[in-house]
Amino acid sequence: MAPMTLKEAMAQLASLGDEKRRIHNTKAGAHPHTRWTVNAALAQIGIHHHRLRRRAVAIGEKLGVYREYPVSKGCTSPFAPIWIGEMVRRRG
């Protein structure tokens, strides 16, 4: 997946409604594509934009999307805080 620019990620998040609506939809069992899109956009922001990383991790913790997702040994969890941390670690 090519890195998203901050402008692209913010536009994608904005297209899904305000933060309160995104949190509600994500927790209330929104369509899996919506959950994945929000989670992936959040991870991209945290991975590629250092100044927003702490906020992206905090939002990921609050949303909890994919927190309990089973992951094979050696694979990275799609839970945004773990995903962000691992990708940042790999980039050095």
C-alpha atoms as a PDB file:
ATOM      1  CA  MET A   1       0.000   0.000   0.000  1.00  0.00           C
ATOM      2  CA  ALA A   2       1.514   3.332  -1.046  1.00  0.00           C
ATOM      3  CA  PRO A   3       1.728   5.886   1.757  1.00  0.00           C
ATOM      4  CA  MET A   4      -1.157   8.311   1.845  1.00  0.00           C
ATOM      5  CA  THR A   5      -0.445  12.002   2.130  1.00  0.00           C
ATOM      6  CA  LEU A   6      -1.818  13.736   5.192  1.00  0.00           C
ATOM      7  CA  LYS A   7      -4.235  15.641   2.969  1.00  0.00           C
ATOM      8  CA  GLU A   8      -5.507  12.394   1.380  1.00  0.00           C
ATOM      9  CA  ALA A   9      -5.901  10.655   4.741  1.00  0.00           C
ATOM     10  CA  MET A  10      -7.725  13.606   6.293  1.00  0.00           C
ATOM     11  CA  ALA A  11     -10.020  13.842   3.246  1.00  0.00           C
ATOM     12  CA  GLN A  12     -10.793  10.137   3.487  1.00  0.00           C
ATOM     13  CA  LEU A  13     -11.611  10.447   7.185  1.00  0.00           C
ATOM     14  CA  ALA A  14     -13.710  13.573   6.571  1.00  0.00           C
ATOM     15  CA  SER A  15     -15.705  11.745   3.924  1.00  0.00           C
ATOM     16  CA  LEU A  16     -16.812   9.288   6.626  1.00  0.00           C
ATOM     17  CA  GLY A  17     -18.405  11.986   8.816  1.00  0.00           C
ATOM     18  CA  ASP A  18     -17.321  13.699  12.018  1.00  0.00           C
ATOM     19  CA  GLU A  19     -15.250  11.948  14.695  1.00  0.00           C
ATOM     20  CA  LYS A  20     -18.271  11.185  16.893  1.00  0.00           C
ATOM     21  CA  ARG A  21     -20.048   9.510  13.925  1.00  0.00           C
ATOM     22  CA  ARG A  22     -16.920   7.504  12.986  1.00  0.00           C
ATOM     23  CA  ILE A  23     -16.561   6.227  16.544  1.00  0.00           C
ATOM     24  CA  HIS A  24     -20.249   5.303  16.709  1.00  0.00           C
ATOM     25  CA  ASN A  25     -20.176   3.537  13.341  1.00  0.00           C
ATOM     26  CA  THR A  26     -17.012   1.669  14.152  1.00  0.00           C
ATOM     27  CA  LYS A  27     -18.235   0.455  17.546  1.00  0.00           C
ATOM     28  CA  ALA A  28     -21.816  -0.177  16.419  1.00  0.00           C
ATOM     29  CA  GLY A  29     -20.824  -2.690  13.793  1.00  0.00           C
ATOM     30  CA  ALA A  30     -20.521  -0.515  10.721  1.00  0.00           C
ATOM     31  CA  HIS A  31     -19.935  -2.253   7.427  1.00  0.00           C
ATOM     32  CA  PRO A  32     -16.551  -4.055   7.542  1.00  0.00           C
ATOM     33  CA  HIS A  33     -15.260  -1.915   4.671  1.00  0.00           C
ATOM     34  CA  THR A  34     -15.982   1.232   6.692  1.00  0.00           C
ATOM     35  CA  ARG A  35     -14.216  -0.186   9.765  1.00  0.00           C
ATOM     36  CA  TRP A  36     -11.205  -1.172   7.671  1.00  0.00           C
ATOM     37  CA  THR A  37     -11.089   2.196   5.867  1.00  0.00           C
ATOM     38  CA  VAL A  38     -11.150   4.213   9.094  1.00  0.00           C
ATOM     39  CA  ASN A  39      -8.586   1.918  10.730  1.00  0.00           C
ATOM     40  CA  ALA A  40      -6.245   1.946   7.716  1.00  0.00           C
ATOM     41  CA  ALA A  41      -6.458   5.731   7.316  1.00  0.00           C
ATOM     42  CA  LEU A  42      -5.726   6.171  11.017  1.00  0.00           C
ATOM     43  CA  ALA A  43      -2.743   3.815  10.790  1.00  0.00           C
ATOM     44  CA  GLN A  44      -1.372   5.635   7.734  1.00  0.00           C
ATOM     45  CA  ILE A  45      -1.613   8.969   9.554  1.00  0.00           C
ATOM     46  CA  GLY A  46       0.189   7.543  12.585  1.00  0.00           C
ATOM     47  CA  ILE A  47       2.879   5.832  10.541  1.00  0.00           C
ATOM     48  CA  HIS A  48       3.727   8.675   8.182  1.00  0.00           C
ATOM     49  CA  HIS A  49       3.022  11.832  10.211  1.00  0.00           C
ATOM     50  CA  HIS A  50       5.129  11.986  13.354  1.00  0.00           C
ATOM     51  CA  ARG A  51       3.370  15.036  14.794  1.00  0.00           C
ATOM     52  CA  LEU A  52      -0.002  13.216  14.670  1.00  0.00           C
ATOM     53  CA  ARG A  53       1.256   9.803  15.795  1.00  0.00           C
ATOM     54  CA  ARG A  54       0.353  10.119  19.474  1.00  0.00           C
ATOM     55  CA  ARG A  55      -3.161  11.277  18.595  1.00  0.00           C
ATOM     56  CA  ALA A  56      -3.626   8.472  16.038  1.00  0.00           C
ATOM     57  CA  VAL A  57      -2.605   5.868  18.632  1.00  0.00           C
ATOM     58  CA  ALA A  58      -4.988   7.392  21.207  1.00  0.00           C
ATOM     59  CA  ILE A  59      -7.889   7.346  18.729  1.00  0.00           C
ATOM     60  CA  GLY A  60      -7.023   3.746  17.790  1.00  0.00           C
ATOM     61  CA  GLU A  61      -7.103   2.759  21.471  1.00  0.00           C
ATOM     62  CA  LYS A  62     -10.463   4.489  21.915  1.00  0.00           C
ATOM     63  CA  LEU A  63     -11.986   2.846  18.827  1.00  0.00           C
ATOM     64  CA  GLY A  64     -10.571  -0.579  19.619  1.00  0.00           C
ATOM     65  CA  VAL A  65     -11.080  -1.797  16.044  1.00  0.00           C
ATOM     66  CA  TYR A  66      -9.339  -5.165  15.536  1.00  0.00           C
ATOM     67  CA  ARG A  67      -8.039  -5.146  19.141  1.00  0.00           C
ATOM     68  CA  GLU A  68      -8.939  -8.839  19.519  1.00  0.00           C
ATOM     69  CA  TYR A  69      -8.146  -9.824  15.918  1.00  0.00           C
ATOM     70  CA  PRO A  70      -6.311 -13.185  15.834  1.00  0.00           C
ATOM     71  CA  VAL A  71      -2.875 -12.837  14.285  1.00  0.00           C
ATOM     72  CA  SER A  72      -0.489 -15.561  13.195  1.00  0.00           C
ATOM     73  CA  LYS A  73       2.979 -15.638  14.719  1.00  0.00           C
ATOM     74  CA  GLY A  74       5.277 -13.254  12.895  1.00  0.00           C
ATOM     75  CA  CYS A  75       2.424 -11.137  11.490  1.00  0.00           C
ATOM     76  CA  THR A  76       1.490  -7.611  12.475  1.00  0.00           C
ATOM     77  CA  SER A  77      -1.871  -6.966  14.078  1.00  0.00           C
ATOM     78  CA  PRO A  78      -4.288  -4.691  12.202  1.00  0.00           C
ATOM     79  CA  PHE A  79      -5.101  -2.985  15.551  1.00  0.00           C
ATOM     80  CA  ALA A  80      -3.982   0.567  14.717  1.00  0.00           C
ATOM     81  CA  PRO A  81      -1.795   1.231  17.812  1.00  0.00           C
ATOM     82  CA  ILE A  82       0.143  -2.015  17.256  1.00  0.00           C
ATOM     83  CA  TRP A  83       0.257  -1.526  13.487  1.00  0.00           C
ATOM     84  CA  ILE A  84       1.571   2.037  13.866  1.00  0.00           C
ATOM     85  CA  GLY A  85       4.194   1.019  16.433  1.00  0.00           C
ATOM     86  CA  GLU A  86       5.467  -1.887  14.371  1.00  0.00           C
ATOM     87  CA  MET A  87       5.683   0.034  11.091  1.00  0.00           C
ATOM     88  CA  VAL A  88       7.474   2.949  12.763  1.00  0.00           C
ATOM     89  CA  ARG A  89       9.881   0.506  14.398  1.00  0.00           C
ATOM     90  CA  ARG A  90      10.609  -1.146  11.048  1.00  0.00           C
ATOM     91  CA  ARG A  91      11.246   2.189   9.357  1.00  0.00           C
ATOM     92  CA  GLY A  92      13.812   2.993  12.037  1.00  0.00           C
END
